[in-house]
Amino acid sequence: MVKVKEDELFCVGQKAVILREKEILLLHDPMPPPGTIDLPGGKIQVGERDFTKALQREVYEESGLTIKVGPPFFVSFWKFARNHPHRNQGKKIFLVFYVCVYQSGAVELSEEHDWFRWTDKKSFPEIFNEKNNIFLAVSTYFRMMLDHKSFSFLK
């Protein structure tokens, strides 16, 4: 008889790769020093069942932008240590990354981020100081953009 392991519990987070012309928006999360490059988005909150609206809410809260949400294109996992100084300490987060398109607004950062940059395929690698899950998602995004059929909703 096979022993079944206990299910693991995760928070579900969503990240938006927001395309504006040929650039995407990167944010900087200062926690913990020296901080890390991030994308707009966050965890789905209690009672939210429309995941598109949840992602649009998070993006608006963190950046002041309104977006059109397209298909997911990348998934990953991130675990914060229990003693980590980040606001997500001790949480295990299953992340889903979505192709999104800028609709309107000017970037106005929340207190969660301290700077932002619009960047393109050529210059994004120089912004990252580590090749984490955000870097892998952005790299995948730019590779997939070569096949515009994958992103036909952008038109």
Protein backbone atom coordinates (compact mmCIF):
# COMPACT_ATOMS: atom_id res chain seq x y z
CA MET A 1 0.00 0.00 0.00
CA VAL A 2 1.28 3.46 -0.95
CA LYS A 3 1.48 5.94 1.89
CA VAL A 4 -0.09 9.24 0.84
CA LYS A 5 1.70 12.37 1.99
CA GLU A 6 -0.18 15.26 3.54
CA ASP A 7 -1.15 18.08 1.17
CA GLU A 8 1.03 21.15 1.33
CA LEU A 9 -0.63 24.52 1.83
CA PHE A 10 0.28 27.54 -0.31
CA CYS A 11 -0.79 31.10 -0.83
CA VAL A 12 -1.52 31.83 -4.49
CA GLY A 13 0.21 34.87 -5.90
CA GLN A 14 -0.19 36.42 -9.32
CA LYS A 15 2.35 38.56 -11.17
CA ALA A 16 1.77 40.82 -14.16
CA VAL A 17 4.28 41.26 -16.95
CA ILE A 18 2.87 44.53 -18.27
CA LEU A 19 3.71 45.43 -21.85
CA ARG A 20 3.70 49.10 -22.83
CA GLU A 21 4.90 49.47 -26.40
CA LYS A 22 8.04 47.28 -26.35
CA GLU A 23 8.86 47.64 -22.65
CA ILE A 24 7.73 45.93 -19.45
CA LEU A 25 7.46 47.32 -15.93
CA LEU A 26 9.89 46.15 -13.26
CA LEU A 27 9.64 47.20 -9.61
CA HIS A 28 12.17 47.12 -6.80
CA ASP A 29 11.20 45.62 -3.43
CA PRO A 30 13.63 47.02 -0.82
CA MET A 31 13.02 44.16 1.65
CA PRO A 32 15.35 42.70 2.71
CA PRO A 33 18.34 44.87 1.94
CA PRO A 34 19.68 44.99 -0.72
CA GLY A 35 16.22 44.15 -2.06
CA THR A 36 15.12 42.38 -5.18
CA ILE A 37 13.54 43.06 -8.55
CA ASP A 38 9.81 42.39 -8.59
CA LEU A 39 6.77 42.55 -10.84
CA PRO A 40 3.42 44.09 -9.94
CA GLY A 41 0.97 41.66 -8.39
CA GLY A 42 0.26 39.88 -5.16
CA LYS A 43 -1.66 37.21 -3.35
CA ILE A 44 -5.31 36.43 -3.95
CA GLN A 45 -7.25 37.64 -0.93
CA VAL A 46 -9.99 35.91 1.04
CA GLY A 47 -13.26 35.97 -0.91
CA GLU A 48 -11.72 36.82 -4.30
CA ARG A 49 -12.93 34.36 -6.94
CA ASP A 50 -12.35 36.41 -10.08
CA PHE A 51 -8.60 36.04 -10.45
CA THR A 52 -8.39 38.54 -13.30
CA LYS A 53 -9.96 41.23 -11.12
CA ALA A 54 -7.71 40.22 -8.22
CA LEU A 55 -4.62 40.76 -10.38
CA GLN A 56 -5.97 44.05 -11.72
CA ARG A 57 -6.59 45.18 -8.12
CA GLU A 58 -3.07 44.27 -7.03
CA VAL A 59 -1.48 46.00 -10.03
CA TYR A 60 -3.52 49.15 -9.41
CA GLU A 61 -2.66 49.14 -5.67
CA GLU A 62 1.07 48.72 -6.34
CA SER A 63 1.50 50.87 -9.44
CA GLY A 64 -1.59 52.97 -10.16
CA LEU A 65 -1.91 51.34 -13.60
CA THR A 66 -4.92 49.73 -15.22
CA ILE A 67 -4.21 46.67 -17.34
CA LYS A 68 -5.74 44.10 -19.63
CA VAL A 69 -4.94 40.59 -18.35
CA GLY A 70 -4.01 37.92 -20.86
CA PRO A 71 -3.07 34.28 -20.46
CA PRO A 72 -0.75 32.81 -17.84
CA PHE A 73 2.62 31.80 -19.29
CA PHE A 74 4.85 30.81 -16.36
CA VAL A 75 4.52 29.33 -12.86
CA SER A 76 6.95 29.12 -9.98
CA PHE A 77 7.22 28.71 -6.23
CA TRP A 78 8.77 30.90 -3.57
CA LYS A 79 9.21 30.18 0.13
CA PHE A 80 10.03 32.84 2.70
CA ALA A 81 11.87 31.64 5.81
CA ARG A 82 10.08 32.02 9.14
CA ASN A 83 12.72 34.46 10.35
CA HIS A 84 12.81 36.45 7.10
CA PRO A 85 12.21 40.21 7.58
CA HIS A 86 9.87 40.39 4.55
CA ARG A 87 6.11 40.96 5.02
CA ASN A 88 5.57 37.41 3.66
CA GLN A 89 7.78 35.70 6.25
CA GLY A 90 7.02 32.02 6.67
CA LYS A 91 4.72 31.86 3.64
CA LYS A 92 4.93 29.43 0.73
CA ILE A 93 3.68 31.11 -2.43
CA PHE A 94 2.67 29.43 -5.69
CA LEU A 95 3.12 32.14 -8.34
CA VAL A 96 1.31 32.43 -11.66
CA PHE A 97 2.70 34.95 -14.17
CA TYR A 98 0.38 36.57 -16.73
CA VAL A 99 0.92 38.42 -19.98
CA CYS A 100 -0.70 41.83 -19.48
CA VAL A 101 -1.07 45.00 -21.50
CA TYR A 102 -0.89 48.56 -20.19
CA GLN A 103 -4.23 50.36 -20.54
CA SER A 104 -3.86 53.65 -18.65
CA GLY A 105 -2.33 55.52 -15.73
CA ALA A 106 1.01 56.85 -14.57
CA VAL A 107 3.14 54.76 -12.25
CA GLU A 108 2.55 55.68 -8.60
CA LEU A 109 4.29 53.20 -6.31
CA SER A 110 2.82 51.85 -3.08
CA GLU A 111 4.95 51.57 0.05
CA GLU A 112 5.92 48.02 -0.99
CA HIS A 113 8.34 49.24 -3.69
CA ASP A 114 10.87 52.06 -3.80
CA TRP A 115 11.60 52.44 -7.54
CA PHE A 116 10.48 51.24 -10.94
CA ARG A 117 11.82 51.01 -14.46
CA TRP A 118 10.32 50.31 -17.85
CA THR A 119 12.76 48.01 -19.65
CA ASP A 120 13.04 46.07 -22.87
CA LYS A 121 14.35 42.67 -23.96
CA LYS A 122 17.88 43.96 -24.48
CA SER A 123 18.37 45.84 -21.20
CA PHE A 124 16.39 43.87 -18.61
CA PRO A 125 19.23 41.45 -17.61
CA GLU A 126 21.44 44.28 -16.34
CA ILE A 127 18.75 45.27 -13.80
CA PHE A 128 18.79 41.90 -12.01
CA ASN A 129 21.43 41.12 -9.40
CA GLU A 130 20.23 37.50 -9.12
CA LYS A 131 18.63 35.01 -11.47
CA ASN A 132 15.54 34.33 -9.35
CA ASN A 133 12.01 33.28 -10.36
CA ILE A 134 11.17 36.83 -11.53
CA PHE A 135 14.23 36.81 -13.83
CA LEU A 136 13.23 33.40 -15.22
CA ALA A 137 9.65 34.57 -15.85
CA VAL A 138 10.80 37.76 -17.63
CA SER A 139 13.32 35.76 -19.70
CA THR A 140 10.58 33.33 -20.69
CA TYR A 141 8.26 36.21 -21.55
CA PHE A 142 10.76 37.82 -23.92
CA ARG A 143 11.56 34.45 -25.56
CA MET A 144 7.84 33.82 -26.09
CA MET A 145 7.31 37.27 -27.59
CA LEU A 146 9.18 36.02 -30.66
CA ASP A 147 6.09 33.95 -31.37
CA HIS A 148 3.48 36.69 -31.60
CA LYS A 149 0.76 34.09 -32.18
CA SER A 150 1.08 33.19 -28.50
CA PHE A 151 0.05 36.75 -27.67
CA SER A 152 -2.62 37.38 -30.28
CA PHE A 153 -4.85 38.99 -27.64
CA LEU A 154 -2.41 41.93 -27.57
CA LYS A 155 -3.72 43.24 -30.89
